[in-house]
N, C-alpha and C. Protein backbone atom coordinates (compact mmCIF):
# COMPACT_ATOMS: atom_id res chain seq x y z
N MET A 1 0.85 -1.17 0.00
CA MET A 1 0.00 0.00 0.00
C MET A 1 0.89 1.24 0.00
N SER A 2 0.51 2.27 -0.73
CA SER A 2 1.29 3.50 -0.76
C SER A 2 0.35 4.70 -0.66
N ASN A 3 0.94 5.83 -0.30
CA ASN A 3 0.13 7.04 -0.20
C ASN A 3 0.16 7.81 -1.52
N ALA A 4 -0.31 9.04 -1.53
CA ALA A 4 -0.48 9.82 -2.76
C ALA A 4 0.82 10.03 -3.53
N ASN A 5 1.94 10.18 -2.82
CA ASN A 5 3.19 10.43 -3.53
C ASN A 5 3.98 9.16 -3.83
N GLY A 6 3.37 7.99 -3.63
CA GLY A 6 4.02 6.74 -4.00
C GLY A 6 4.94 6.17 -2.94
N LYS A 7 5.06 6.83 -1.80
CA LYS A 7 5.93 6.35 -0.72
C LYS A 7 5.13 5.45 0.21
N ALA A 8 5.83 4.61 0.92
CA ALA A 8 5.17 3.77 1.91
C ALA A 8 4.63 4.65 3.03
N PRO A 9 3.46 4.32 3.58
CA PRO A 9 2.90 5.15 4.64
C PRO A 9 3.80 5.17 5.87
N GLY A 10 3.91 6.34 6.49
CA GLY A 10 4.72 6.48 7.69
C GLY A 10 6.20 6.63 7.42
N LYS A 11 6.60 6.59 6.18
CA LYS A 11 8.01 6.70 5.86
C LYS A 11 8.34 8.14 5.50
N LYS A 12 9.36 8.70 6.16
CA LYS A 12 9.76 10.08 5.88
C LYS A 12 10.59 10.11 4.62
N GLU A 13 10.48 11.21 3.91
CA GLU A 13 11.35 11.38 2.75
C GLU A 13 12.75 11.68 3.28
N GLY A 14 13.75 11.12 2.64
CA GLY A 14 15.11 11.27 3.11
C GLY A 14 15.62 12.68 3.00
N ILE A 15 16.57 12.99 3.87
CA ILE A 15 17.21 14.29 3.79
C ILE A 15 18.64 14.10 3.32
N GLN A 16 19.12 15.08 2.58
CA GLN A 16 20.49 15.07 2.10
C GLN A 16 21.23 16.17 2.85
N LEU A 17 22.05 15.77 3.81
CA LEU A 17 22.75 16.72 4.67
C LEU A 17 23.80 17.49 3.88
N ILE A 18 23.78 18.81 4.02
CA ILE A 18 24.78 19.66 3.37
C ILE A 18 25.88 19.98 4.37
N THR A 19 25.49 20.55 5.51
CA THR A 19 26.46 20.86 6.55
C THR A 19 25.76 20.89 7.91
N GLU A 20 26.56 20.69 8.94
CA GLU A 20 26.05 20.67 10.30
C GLU A 20 26.88 21.62 11.14
N ASN A 21 26.25 22.33 12.04
CA ASN A 21 26.93 23.29 12.90
C ASN A 21 27.28 22.60 14.22
N ARG A 22 28.40 21.91 14.25
CA ARG A 22 28.79 21.16 15.44
C ARG A 22 29.20 22.09 16.57
N ARG A 23 29.73 23.24 16.22
CA ARG A 23 30.15 24.21 17.23
C ARG A 23 28.96 24.69 18.07
N ALA A 24 27.79 24.79 17.44
CA ALA A 24 26.60 25.26 18.15
C ALA A 24 26.22 24.31 19.27
N ARG A 25 26.35 23.01 19.05
CA ARG A 25 25.99 22.05 20.08
C ARG A 25 26.96 22.11 21.27
N TYR A 26 28.17 22.58 21.02
CA TYR A 26 29.16 22.72 22.09
C TYR A 26 28.98 24.04 22.85
N ASP A 27 28.70 25.12 22.13
CA ASP A 27 28.62 26.45 22.74
C ASP A 27 27.25 26.80 23.32
N TYR A 28 26.20 26.10 22.89
CA TYR A 28 24.84 26.46 23.29
C TYR A 28 24.07 25.25 23.80
N THR A 29 23.07 25.55 24.63
CA THR A 29 22.10 24.54 25.04
C THR A 29 20.87 24.74 24.16
N VAL A 30 20.52 23.74 23.38
CA VAL A 30 19.39 23.85 22.45
C VAL A 30 18.11 23.50 23.21
N GLU A 31 17.17 24.45 23.26
CA GLU A 31 15.94 24.25 24.01
C GLU A 31 14.73 23.96 23.12
N ASP A 32 14.78 24.38 21.87
CA ASP A 32 13.67 24.13 20.95
C ASP A 32 14.25 24.08 19.54
N ARG A 33 13.61 23.31 18.66
CA ARG A 33 14.07 23.17 17.28
C ARG A 33 12.93 23.47 16.33
N LEU A 34 13.30 23.91 15.12
CA LEU A 34 12.31 24.27 14.13
C LEU A 34 12.93 24.14 12.74
N GLU A 35 12.17 23.61 11.79
CA GLU A 35 12.64 23.53 10.41
C GLU A 35 12.11 24.73 9.65
N ALA A 36 13.00 25.40 8.91
CA ALA A 36 12.61 26.58 8.14
C ALA A 36 13.10 26.44 6.71
N GLY A 37 12.33 26.99 5.79
CA GLY A 37 12.80 27.10 4.42
C GLY A 37 13.74 28.28 4.33
N ILE A 38 14.49 28.37 3.25
CA ILE A 38 15.43 29.47 3.09
C ILE A 38 15.33 29.98 1.66
N GLN A 39 15.31 31.30 1.51
CA GLN A 39 15.18 31.93 0.20
C GLN A 39 16.58 32.08 -0.39
N LEU A 40 16.83 31.40 -1.51
CA LEU A 40 18.16 31.37 -2.11
C LEU A 40 18.12 31.80 -3.57
N MET A 41 19.28 32.23 -4.07
CA MET A 41 19.45 32.49 -5.50
C MET A 41 19.85 31.18 -6.17
N GLY A 42 19.74 31.13 -7.48
CA GLY A 42 20.05 29.91 -8.22
C GLY A 42 21.47 29.43 -8.02
N SER A 43 22.43 30.35 -8.05
CA SER A 43 23.83 29.96 -7.88
C SER A 43 24.10 29.44 -6.47
N GLU A 44 23.31 29.90 -5.49
CA GLU A 44 23.48 29.41 -4.12
C GLU A 44 23.01 27.96 -4.01
N VAL A 45 21.93 27.63 -4.69
CA VAL A 45 21.43 26.25 -4.67
C VAL A 45 22.46 25.32 -5.31
N LYS A 46 23.01 25.73 -6.44
CA LYS A 46 24.02 24.90 -7.12
C LYS A 46 25.25 24.72 -6.22
N SER A 47 25.63 25.80 -5.54
CA SER A 47 26.78 25.73 -4.65
C SER A 47 26.50 24.81 -3.46
N LEU A 48 25.28 24.85 -2.93
CA LEU A 48 24.92 23.95 -1.83
C LEU A 48 24.95 22.50 -2.27
N ARG A 49 24.54 22.23 -3.50
CA ARG A 49 24.59 20.85 -4.01
C ARG A 49 26.03 20.34 -4.06
N GLU A 50 26.99 21.27 -4.24
CA GLU A 50 28.40 20.89 -4.21
C GLU A 50 28.92 20.77 -2.78
N GLY A 51 28.16 21.26 -1.81
CA GLY A 51 28.53 21.13 -0.40
C GLY A 51 29.42 22.24 0.12
N THR A 52 29.41 23.41 -0.50
CA THR A 52 30.28 24.50 -0.08
C THR A 52 29.54 25.48 0.83
N ALA A 53 29.25 25.05 2.05
CA ALA A 53 28.56 25.91 3.01
C ALA A 53 29.20 25.77 4.38
N ASN A 54 29.10 26.83 5.18
CA ASN A 54 29.65 26.83 6.53
C ASN A 54 28.71 27.61 7.45
N LEU A 55 28.28 26.98 8.52
CA LEU A 55 27.34 27.61 9.46
C LEU A 55 27.98 27.95 10.80
N SER A 56 29.30 27.84 10.93
CA SER A 56 29.92 27.95 12.25
C SER A 56 29.70 29.30 12.93
N ASP A 57 29.65 30.41 12.20
CA ASP A 57 29.44 31.73 12.81
C ASP A 57 28.05 32.27 12.55
N ALA A 58 27.16 31.46 12.02
CA ALA A 58 25.85 31.94 11.59
C ALA A 58 24.87 32.06 12.75
N TYR A 59 23.92 32.97 12.58
CA TYR A 59 22.83 33.16 13.53
C TYR A 59 21.66 33.78 12.79
N ALA A 60 20.50 33.77 13.42
CA ALA A 60 19.30 34.35 12.80
C ALA A 60 18.80 35.50 13.68
N LEU A 61 18.31 36.55 13.01
CA LEU A 61 17.77 37.72 13.72
C LEU A 61 16.42 38.09 13.15
N PRO A 62 15.48 38.44 14.02
CA PRO A 62 14.19 38.96 13.54
C PRO A 62 14.32 40.44 13.16
N LYS A 63 13.80 40.79 11.97
CA LYS A 63 13.79 42.19 11.51
C LYS A 63 12.46 42.45 10.83
N ASN A 64 11.73 43.44 11.29
CA ASN A 64 10.46 43.86 10.68
C ASN A 64 9.48 42.69 10.51
N GLY A 65 9.38 41.84 11.50
CA GLY A 65 8.44 40.73 11.44
C GLY A 65 8.88 39.58 10.56
N GLU A 66 10.14 39.58 10.13
CA GLU A 66 10.69 38.49 9.33
C GLU A 66 11.96 37.99 10.01
N LEU A 67 12.40 36.81 9.64
CA LEU A 67 13.60 36.22 10.24
C LEU A 67 14.65 36.08 9.15
N PHE A 68 15.87 36.56 9.43
CA PHE A 68 16.96 36.52 8.47
C PHE A 68 18.14 35.74 9.02
N LEU A 69 18.79 34.98 8.15
CA LEU A 69 19.98 34.22 8.49
C LEU A 69 21.20 35.07 8.13
N LEU A 70 22.06 35.31 9.10
CA LEU A 70 23.24 36.16 8.91
C LEU A 70 24.51 35.34 9.10
N ASN A 71 25.58 35.74 8.43
CA ASN A 71 26.91 35.13 8.54
C ASN A 71 26.97 33.67 8.12
N ALA A 72 25.99 33.19 7.39
CA ALA A 72 26.06 31.83 6.85
C ALA A 72 26.83 31.92 5.53
N HIS A 73 27.93 31.22 5.45
CA HIS A 73 28.78 31.29 4.26
C HIS A 73 28.39 30.20 3.27
N ILE A 74 27.95 30.62 2.10
CA ILE A 74 27.70 29.70 0.98
C ILE A 74 28.67 30.12 -0.11
N GLY A 75 29.63 29.28 -0.39
CA GLY A 75 30.69 29.61 -1.32
C GLY A 75 30.17 29.87 -2.72
N PRO A 76 30.93 30.61 -3.52
CA PRO A 76 30.50 30.91 -4.88
C PRO A 76 30.51 29.66 -5.75
N TRP A 77 29.59 29.62 -6.69
CA TRP A 77 29.53 28.53 -7.65
C TRP A 77 30.43 28.91 -8.81
N LYS A 78 31.39 28.08 -9.13
CA LYS A 78 32.44 28.42 -10.11
C LYS A 78 31.91 28.90 -11.47
N PRO A 79 30.97 28.18 -12.11
CA PRO A 79 30.51 28.64 -13.42
C PRO A 79 29.78 29.99 -13.39
N ALA A 80 29.25 30.40 -12.24
CA ALA A 80 28.52 31.67 -12.15
C ALA A 80 29.32 32.71 -11.38
N SER A 81 30.64 32.61 -11.42
CA SER A 81 31.46 33.49 -10.59
C SER A 81 31.26 34.97 -10.93
N GLN A 82 31.05 35.29 -12.20
CA GLN A 82 30.89 36.69 -12.59
C GLN A 82 29.53 37.24 -12.17
N PHE A 83 28.48 36.44 -12.27
CA PHE A 83 27.13 36.90 -11.95
C PHE A 83 26.57 36.21 -10.71
N GLY A 84 27.44 35.64 -9.91
CA GLY A 84 27.01 34.84 -8.77
C GLY A 84 26.51 35.66 -7.60
N HIS A 85 26.54 35.07 -6.45
CA HIS A 85 26.00 35.67 -5.24
C HIS A 85 27.12 36.10 -4.30
N GLU A 86 26.78 36.91 -3.33
CA GLU A 86 27.71 37.30 -2.28
C GLU A 86 27.70 36.19 -1.23
N PRO A 87 28.86 35.63 -0.86
CA PRO A 87 28.88 34.46 0.02
C PRO A 87 28.26 34.68 1.41
N LEU A 88 28.37 35.87 1.98
CA LEU A 88 27.89 36.11 3.34
C LEU A 88 26.65 36.98 3.41
N ARG A 89 25.88 37.05 2.34
CA ARG A 89 24.70 37.93 2.36
C ARG A 89 23.65 37.41 3.33
N GLN A 90 22.75 38.31 3.77
CA GLN A 90 21.67 37.85 4.65
C GLN A 90 20.60 37.19 3.80
N ARG A 91 20.06 36.09 4.33
CA ARG A 91 19.07 35.30 3.60
C ARG A 91 17.79 35.20 4.42
N LYS A 92 16.68 35.37 3.75
CA LYS A 92 15.38 35.34 4.43
C LYS A 92 15.00 33.89 4.73
N LEU A 93 14.52 33.67 5.96
CA LEU A 93 14.04 32.35 6.37
C LEU A 93 12.53 32.32 6.24
N LEU A 94 12.00 31.22 5.78
CA LEU A 94 10.57 31.09 5.49
C LEU A 94 9.89 30.30 6.60
N LEU A 95 9.13 31.03 7.42
CA LEU A 95 8.41 30.45 8.56
C LEU A 95 7.01 31.04 8.64
N HIS A 96 6.15 30.40 9.41
CA HIS A 96 4.83 30.96 9.67
C HIS A 96 4.97 32.16 10.60
N ARG A 97 4.09 33.11 10.47
CA ARG A 97 4.12 34.33 11.28
C ARG A 97 4.10 34.00 12.78
N SER A 98 3.28 33.05 13.19
CA SER A 98 3.18 32.70 14.61
C SER A 98 4.51 32.18 15.16
N GLU A 99 5.23 31.39 14.35
CA GLU A 99 6.53 30.87 14.78
C GLU A 99 7.54 31.99 14.92
N ILE A 100 7.55 32.91 13.96
CA ILE A 100 8.47 34.05 14.02
C ILE A 100 8.17 34.90 15.25
N ASP A 101 6.90 35.18 15.50
CA ASP A 101 6.52 36.01 16.65
C ASP A 101 6.90 35.35 17.97
N ARG A 102 6.65 34.05 18.08
CA ARG A 102 6.95 33.34 19.33
C ARG A 102 8.45 33.35 19.63
N TRP A 103 9.26 33.04 18.62
CA TRP A 103 10.71 33.00 18.83
C TRP A 103 11.29 34.40 18.99
N SER A 104 10.75 35.39 18.28
CA SER A 104 11.24 36.77 18.41
C SER A 104 11.03 37.27 19.83
N ALA A 105 9.89 36.94 20.42
CA ALA A 105 9.60 37.37 21.79
C ALA A 105 10.61 36.76 22.77
N LYS A 106 10.94 35.49 22.58
CA LYS A 106 11.90 34.84 23.47
C LYS A 106 13.29 35.44 23.31
N VAL A 107 13.67 35.77 22.07
CA VAL A 107 14.98 36.36 21.83
C VAL A 107 15.07 37.73 22.49
N ARG A 108 14.02 38.53 22.39
CA ARG A 108 14.01 39.87 22.98
C ARG A 108 14.02 39.83 24.50
N GLU A 109 13.24 38.95 25.10
CA GLU A 109 13.03 38.98 26.54
C GLU A 109 14.07 38.20 27.34
N ARG A 110 14.37 36.99 26.97
CA ARG A 110 15.10 36.09 27.85
C ARG A 110 16.55 35.82 27.48
N GLY A 111 17.09 36.51 26.52
CA GLY A 111 18.49 36.29 26.18
C GLY A 111 18.76 35.03 25.39
N TYR A 112 17.80 34.58 24.62
CA TYR A 112 18.01 33.43 23.75
C TYR A 112 18.63 33.89 22.43
N SER A 113 19.22 32.94 21.72
CA SER A 113 19.74 33.18 20.37
C SER A 113 19.12 32.15 19.44
N ILE A 114 18.97 32.52 18.18
CA ILE A 114 18.49 31.58 17.17
C ILE A 114 19.69 31.17 16.33
N ILE A 115 20.07 29.91 16.43
CA ILE A 115 21.28 29.41 15.80
C ILE A 115 20.92 28.31 14.80
N PRO A 116 21.45 28.37 13.57
CA PRO A 116 21.21 27.26 12.62
C PRO A 116 22.04 26.04 13.03
N LEU A 117 21.38 24.90 13.09
CA LEU A 117 22.05 23.67 13.50
C LEU A 117 22.45 22.80 12.31
N MET A 118 21.60 22.77 11.28
CA MET A 118 21.87 21.95 10.09
C MET A 118 21.33 22.66 8.86
N LEU A 119 21.95 22.37 7.74
CA LEU A 119 21.48 22.82 6.44
C LEU A 119 21.38 21.57 5.58
N TYR A 120 20.22 21.35 4.96
CA TYR A 120 20.01 20.11 4.22
C TYR A 120 18.95 20.30 3.14
N PHE A 121 18.87 19.32 2.24
CA PHE A 121 17.82 19.27 1.23
C PHE A 121 16.79 18.24 1.66
N ARG A 122 15.52 18.60 1.60
CA ARG A 122 14.42 17.67 1.85
C ARG A 122 13.48 17.82 0.66
N ALA A 123 13.29 16.74 -0.06
CA ALA A 123 12.43 16.72 -1.25
C ALA A 123 12.86 17.79 -2.25
N GLY A 124 14.16 17.99 -2.40
CA GLY A 124 14.69 18.92 -3.38
C GLY A 124 14.70 20.38 -2.95
N LYS A 125 14.24 20.67 -1.74
CA LYS A 125 14.19 22.05 -1.25
C LYS A 125 15.20 22.23 -0.12
N ALA A 126 15.91 23.35 -0.12
CA ALA A 126 16.88 23.63 0.93
C ALA A 126 16.16 24.01 2.21
N LYS A 127 16.55 23.39 3.30
CA LYS A 127 15.95 23.64 4.61
C LYS A 127 17.05 23.90 5.63
N VAL A 128 16.69 24.66 6.67
CA VAL A 128 17.59 24.94 7.77
C VAL A 128 16.92 24.48 9.06
N GLU A 129 17.63 23.72 9.87
CA GLU A 129 17.11 23.40 11.19
C GLU A 129 17.64 24.44 12.15
N LEU A 130 16.72 25.20 12.74
CA LEU A 130 17.08 26.27 13.67
C LEU A 130 16.91 25.77 15.10
N GLY A 131 17.74 26.29 15.98
CA GLY A 131 17.62 25.97 17.39
C GLY A 131 17.46 27.24 18.20
N LEU A 132 16.53 27.23 19.14
CA LEU A 132 16.39 28.33 20.09
C LEU A 132 17.34 27.98 21.23
N CYS A 133 18.43 28.73 21.34
CA CYS A 133 19.56 28.32 22.18
C CYS A 133 19.88 29.35 23.26
N LYS A 134 20.46 28.84 24.34
CA LYS A 134 21.01 29.67 25.40
C LYS A 134 22.49 29.37 25.47
N GLY A 135 23.31 30.41 25.61
CA GLY A 135 24.75 30.21 25.67
C GLY A 135 25.18 29.45 26.90
N LYS A 136 26.19 28.61 26.74
CA LYS A 136 26.74 27.86 27.87
C LYS A 136 27.90 28.65 28.47
N THR A 137 28.06 28.54 29.79
CA THR A 137 29.22 29.13 30.44
C THR A 137 30.36 28.12 30.37
N HIS A 138 31.53 28.55 30.81
CA HIS A 138 32.70 27.67 30.78
C HIS A 138 32.45 26.42 31.64
N GLU A 139 31.79 26.61 32.79
CA GLU A 139 31.50 25.48 33.69
C GLU A 139 30.52 24.51 33.04
N ASP A 140 29.53 25.04 32.32
CA ASP A 140 28.57 24.18 31.63
C ASP A 140 29.27 23.29 30.61
N ARG A 141 30.21 23.87 29.88
CA ARG A 141 30.94 23.11 28.87
C ARG A 141 31.75 21.99 29.52
N ARG A 142 32.39 22.33 30.64
CA ARG A 142 33.16 21.30 31.35
C ARG A 142 32.26 20.18 31.84
N GLY A 143 31.07 20.56 32.30
CA GLY A 143 30.11 19.56 32.77
C GLY A 143 29.69 18.61 31.67
N THR A 144 29.43 19.13 30.47
CA THR A 144 29.02 18.26 29.36
C THR A 144 30.17 17.34 28.94
N ILE A 145 31.40 17.85 29.00
CA ILE A 145 32.55 17.02 28.67
C ILE A 145 32.69 15.88 29.68
N LYS A 146 32.52 16.20 30.98
CA LYS A 146 32.61 15.17 32.02
C LYS A 146 31.52 14.12 31.85
N GLU A 147 30.30 14.56 31.54
CA GLU A 147 29.20 13.62 31.32
C GLU A 147 29.50 12.69 30.15
N ARG A 148 30.00 13.25 29.07
CA ARG A 148 30.32 12.45 27.89
C ARG A 148 31.39 11.42 28.21
N GLU A 149 32.44 11.84 28.94
CA GLU A 149 33.51 10.91 29.30
C GLU A 149 33.01 9.81 30.23
N SER A 150 32.14 10.16 31.17
CA SER A 150 31.62 9.13 32.08
C SER A 150 30.75 8.12 31.34
N LYS A 151 29.96 8.59 30.36
CA LYS A 151 29.15 7.67 29.55
C LYS A 151 30.04 6.71 28.77
N ARG A 152 31.14 7.24 28.22
CA ARG A 152 32.07 6.39 27.47
C ARG A 152 32.68 5.32 28.38
N GLU A 153 33.08 5.73 29.59
CA GLU A 153 33.67 4.77 30.52
C GLU A 153 32.67 3.68 30.89
N ILE A 154 31.41 4.05 31.11
CA ILE A 154 30.38 3.07 31.44
C ILE A 154 30.19 2.10 30.28
N GLU A 155 30.15 2.63 29.05
CA GLU A 155 29.99 1.76 27.87
C GLU A 155 31.16 0.80 27.73
N ARG A 156 32.38 1.29 27.99
CA ARG A 156 33.56 0.42 27.91
C ARG A 156 33.48 -0.69 28.96
N ALA A 157 33.06 -0.33 30.16
CA ALA A 157 32.95 -1.32 31.23
C ALA A 157 31.90 -2.38 30.89
N VAL A 158 30.79 -1.97 30.30
CA VAL A 158 29.74 -2.91 29.91
C VAL A 158 30.25 -3.84 28.81
N ARG A 159 31.00 -3.31 27.87
CA ARG A 159 31.53 -4.13 26.77
C ARG A 159 32.53 -5.17 27.26
N ARG A 160 33.30 -4.84 28.29
CA ARG A 160 34.33 -5.76 28.81
C ARG A 160 33.72 -6.98 29.47
N ARG A 161 32.51 -6.84 29.99
CA ARG A 161 31.88 -7.96 30.71
C ARG A 161 31.48 -9.07 29.81
């Protein structure tokens, strides 16, 4: 049995990962996640298909009731170098108004940041996974490292038995 698009029921369409922001998981505590579309130029899409993107310094800011992705580096596409795009330009994120308003309020009031966690293709469309994050202190980072090491030691001990 299949559904309208020919896929098996309950099966998600696969995602093609472009890049992941590993630094964000180290520097921030992710409290909420959201998938957003991203408005791109043609040369940016071609460049993403080649995998030339970097999210390490990227963040999102609300402006005039819209959400924009800043400092996300999408490298130039070689064949369109003369008429291509600016690698660090701000890009509009596509979300419902209620989602933008809810996250904008949290960013304004409580000191949260909106950080892109992943950039990927889903069903041929570029998507960004955003995280509503709070910055970690130096002690928090040490705590997560200690937790990770203790989990590894426990796993090693279980394997030895």
